[in-house]
């Protein structure tokens, strides 16, 4: 199963440069890296990244993260994937731009 992380361009650039990251400011504050499932990603973008352009959508394999990935109840009672270690560049299976069109982020059609 793929899980998704939305990063601002500078956060993605830092991961590419450093090879690891503790995540965005909210991840650092909460002590884990927030992810979303395909079904949750659009709401995550709307709630936490409204109007922000230049975003990057990262896809990672949930099973490859092993016991460091916990599924915990969050927004709306849904279980969200939370990574309790640094995100590694090697965790990222693919990345795509997340363009903003008329105020709405345009997600790829092929999200699993």
C-alpha atoms as a PDB file:
ATOM      1  CA  UNK A   1       0.000   0.000   0.000  1.00  0.00           C
ATOM      2  CA  UNK A   2       1.263   3.448  -0.868  1.00  0.00           C
ATOM      3  CA  UNK A   3       1.023   6.277   1.625  1.00  0.00           C
ATOM      4  CA  UNK A   4       1.553   9.923   0.804  1.00  0.00           C
ATOM      5  CA  UNK A   5       3.427  12.896   2.225  1.00  0.00           C
ATOM      6  CA  UNK A   6       2.930  16.450   1.030  1.00  0.00           C
ATOM      7  CA  UNK A   7       5.995  18.660   1.228  1.00  0.00           C
ATOM      8  CA  UNK A   8       6.661  22.253   0.345  1.00  0.00           C
ATOM      9  CA  UNK A   9       9.379  22.654  -2.296  1.00  0.00           C
ATOM     10  CA  UNK A  10      12.017  23.639   0.264  1.00  0.00           C
ATOM     11  CA  UNK A  11      11.186  20.629   2.479  1.00  0.00           C
ATOM     12  CA  UNK A  12      11.528  18.293  -0.511  1.00  0.00           C
ATOM     13  CA  UNK A  13      14.807  19.981  -1.505  1.00  0.00           C
ATOM     14  CA  UNK A  14      16.150  19.525   2.029  1.00  0.00           C
ATOM     15  CA  UNK A  15      15.298  15.799   1.966  1.00  0.00           C
ATOM     16  CA  UNK A  16      17.058  15.437  -1.378  1.00  0.00           C
ATOM     17  CA  UNK A  17      20.122  17.274  -0.080  1.00  0.00           C
ATOM     18  CA  UNK A  18      20.367  15.648   3.356  1.00  0.00           C
ATOM     19  CA  UNK A  19      19.006  12.164   2.628  1.00  0.00           C
ATOM     20  CA  UNK A  20      16.796  12.255   5.741  1.00  0.00           C
ATOM     21  CA  UNK A  21      14.353  14.619   7.398  1.00  0.00           C
ATOM     22  CA  UNK A  22      12.318  14.887  10.571  1.00  0.00           C
ATOM     23  CA  UNK A  23       9.621  16.368   8.344  1.00  0.00           C
ATOM     24  CA  UNK A  24       7.743  19.622   8.175  1.00  0.00           C
ATOM     25  CA  UNK A  25       7.385  21.898  11.208  1.00  0.00           C
ATOM     26  CA  UNK A  26       4.155  20.130  12.288  1.00  0.00           C
ATOM     27  CA  UNK A  27       5.926  16.754  12.123  1.00  0.00           C
ATOM     28  CA  UNK A  28       8.792  18.003  14.256  1.00  0.00           C
ATOM     29  CA  UNK A  29       6.361  19.490  16.794  1.00  0.00           C
ATOM     30  CA  UNK A  30       4.308  16.276  16.973  1.00  0.00           C
ATOM     31  CA  UNK A  31       7.317  13.926  17.068  1.00  0.00           C
ATOM     32  CA  UNK A  32       6.433  11.872  13.983  1.00  0.00           C
ATOM     33  CA  UNK A  33       6.069  12.290  10.225  1.00  0.00           C
ATOM     34  CA  UNK A  34       2.434  12.645   9.164  1.00  0.00           C
ATOM     35  CA  UNK A  35       1.294  10.645   6.135  1.00  0.00           C
ATOM     36  CA  UNK A  36      -2.067  10.178   4.438  1.00  0.00           C
ATOM     37  CA  UNK A  37      -3.647   7.385   2.468  1.00  0.00           C
ATOM     38  CA  UNK A  38      -4.768   8.071  -1.093  1.00  0.00           C
ATOM     39  CA  UNK A  39      -8.299   8.601   0.215  1.00  0.00           C
ATOM     40  CA  UNK A  40      -7.115  11.109   2.856  1.00  0.00           C
ATOM     41  CA  UNK A  41      -4.555  13.109   0.860  1.00  0.00           C
ATOM     42  CA  UNK A  42      -6.900  15.608  -0.806  1.00  0.00           C
ATOM     43  CA  UNK A  43      -8.489  16.582   2.503  1.00  0.00           C
ATOM     44  CA  UNK A  44      -5.020  16.890   4.046  1.00  0.00           C
ATOM     45  CA  UNK A  45      -3.986  19.267   1.258  1.00  0.00           C
ATOM     46  CA  UNK A  46      -7.144  21.346   1.646  1.00  0.00           C
ATOM     47  CA  UNK A  47      -6.852  21.528   5.436  1.00  0.00           C
ATOM     48  CA  UNK A  48      -3.105  22.096   5.884  1.00  0.00           C
ATOM     49  CA  UNK A  49      -1.925  23.528   2.550  1.00  0.00           C
ATOM     50  CA  UNK A  50      -4.867  25.623   1.301  1.00  0.00           C
ATOM     51  CA  UNK A  51      -3.732  28.024  -1.411  1.00  0.00           C
ATOM     52  CA  UNK A  52      -0.085  26.932  -1.267  1.00  0.00           C
ATOM     53  CA  UNK A  53       1.591  26.429  -4.611  1.00  0.00           C
ATOM     54  CA  UNK A  54       4.832  24.583  -5.308  1.00  0.00           C
ATOM     55  CA  UNK A  55       3.939  21.467  -3.317  1.00  0.00           C
ATOM     56  CA  UNK A  56       5.368  18.006  -3.962  1.00  0.00           C
ATOM     57  CA  UNK A  57       3.511  14.745  -3.370  1.00  0.00           C
ATOM     58  CA  UNK A  58       5.713  11.875  -2.187  1.00  0.00           C
ATOM     59  CA  UNK A  59       4.641   8.232  -2.271  1.00  0.00           C
ATOM     60  CA  UNK A  60       6.135   5.626   0.039  1.00  0.00           C
ATOM     61  CA  UNK A  61       5.410   1.976   0.733  1.00  0.00           C
ATOM     62  CA  UNK A  62       3.715   1.479   4.089  1.00  0.00           C
ATOM     63  CA  UNK A  63       5.001  -2.084   4.386  1.00  0.00           C
ATOM     64  CA  UNK A  64       8.620  -1.006   3.805  1.00  0.00           C
ATOM     65  CA  UNK A  65       8.503   1.165   6.940  1.00  0.00           C
ATOM     66  CA  UNK A  66       7.851  -1.791   9.213  1.00  0.00           C
ATOM     67  CA  UNK A  67       7.192  -1.225  12.888  1.00  0.00           C
ATOM     68  CA  UNK A  68       8.232   2.433  12.657  1.00  0.00           C
ATOM     69  CA  UNK A  69       4.881   3.161  10.992  1.00  0.00           C
ATOM     70  CA  UNK A  70       1.893   3.346  13.328  1.00  0.00           C
ATOM     71  CA  UNK A  71      -1.744   3.698  12.294  1.00  0.00           C
ATOM     72  CA  UNK A  72      -3.371   6.084  14.733  1.00  0.00           C
ATOM     73  CA  UNK A  73      -6.796   7.678  14.999  1.00  0.00           C
ATOM     74  CA  UNK A  74      -6.769  11.308  13.967  1.00  0.00           C
ATOM     75  CA  UNK A  75      -8.982  13.646  11.940  1.00  0.00           C
ATOM     76  CA  UNK A  76     -12.584  12.483  11.752  1.00  0.00           C
ATOM     77  CA  UNK A  77     -11.848   9.258  13.584  1.00  0.00           C
ATOM     78  CA  UNK A  78      -9.856   7.890  10.621  1.00  0.00           C
ATOM     79  CA  UNK A  79      -6.625   5.997  11.132  1.00  0.00           C
ATOM     80  CA  UNK A  80      -3.661   7.859   9.656  1.00  0.00           C
ATOM     81  CA  UNK A  81      -0.137   6.528   9.077  1.00  0.00           C
ATOM     82  CA  UNK A  82       2.477   8.150  11.316  1.00  0.00           C
ATOM     83  CA  UNK A  83       6.199   7.448  10.904  1.00  0.00           C
ATOM     84  CA  UNK A  84       8.163   7.368  14.172  1.00  0.00           C
ATOM     85  CA  UNK A  85      11.594   7.865  12.690  1.00  0.00           C
ATOM     86  CA  UNK A  86      13.178  10.179  10.177  1.00  0.00           C
ATOM     87  CA  UNK A  87      11.908   9.941   6.635  1.00  0.00           C
ATOM     88  CA  UNK A  88      14.682   8.726   4.351  1.00  0.00           C
ATOM     89  CA  UNK A  89      15.076   9.680   0.726  1.00  0.00           C
ATOM     90  CA  UNK A  90      15.310   5.939   0.062  1.00  0.00           C
ATOM     91  CA  UNK A  91      11.735   5.586   1.427  1.00  0.00           C
ATOM     92  CA  UNK A  92      10.391   7.706  -1.442  1.00  0.00           C
ATOM     93  CA  UNK A  93       9.219   5.541  -4.326  1.00  0.00           C
ATOM     94  CA  UNK A  94       7.993   8.421  -6.436  1.00  0.00           C
ATOM     95  CA  UNK A  95       7.376  12.122  -6.291  1.00  0.00           C
ATOM     96  CA  UNK A  96       5.156  14.369  -8.363  1.00  0.00           C
ATOM     97  CA  UNK A  97       4.328  18.046  -8.364  1.00  0.00           C
ATOM     98  CA  UNK A  98       1.028  18.947  -6.749  1.00  0.00           C
ATOM     99  CA  UNK A  99      -0.078  21.941  -8.822  1.00  0.00           C
ATOM    100  CA  UNK A 100      -2.684  24.418  -7.700  1.00  0.00           C
ATOM    101  CA  UNK A 101      -5.443  25.165 -10.205  1.00  0.00           C
ATOM    102  CA  UNK A 102      -8.200  27.624  -9.334  1.00  0.00           C
ATOM    103  CA  UNK A 103      -7.407  27.160  -5.654  1.00  0.00           C
ATOM    104  CA  UNK A 104      -7.551  23.340  -5.695  1.00  0.00           C
ATOM    105  CA  UNK A 105      -4.569  20.997  -5.632  1.00  0.00           C
ATOM    106  CA  UNK A 106      -4.517  18.674  -8.637  1.00  0.00           C
ATOM    107  CA  UNK A 107      -3.732  15.131  -7.543  1.00  0.00           C
ATOM    108  CA  UNK A 108      -2.533  12.449  -9.962  1.00  0.00           C
ATOM    109  CA  UNK A 109      -5.272  10.191 -11.311  1.00  0.00           C
ATOM    110  CA  UNK A 110      -3.230   7.056 -10.624  1.00  0.00           C
ATOM    111  CA  UNK A 111      -3.046   7.267  -6.812  1.00  0.00           C
ATOM    112  CA  UNK A 112      -3.607   3.874  -5.175  1.00  0.00           C
END
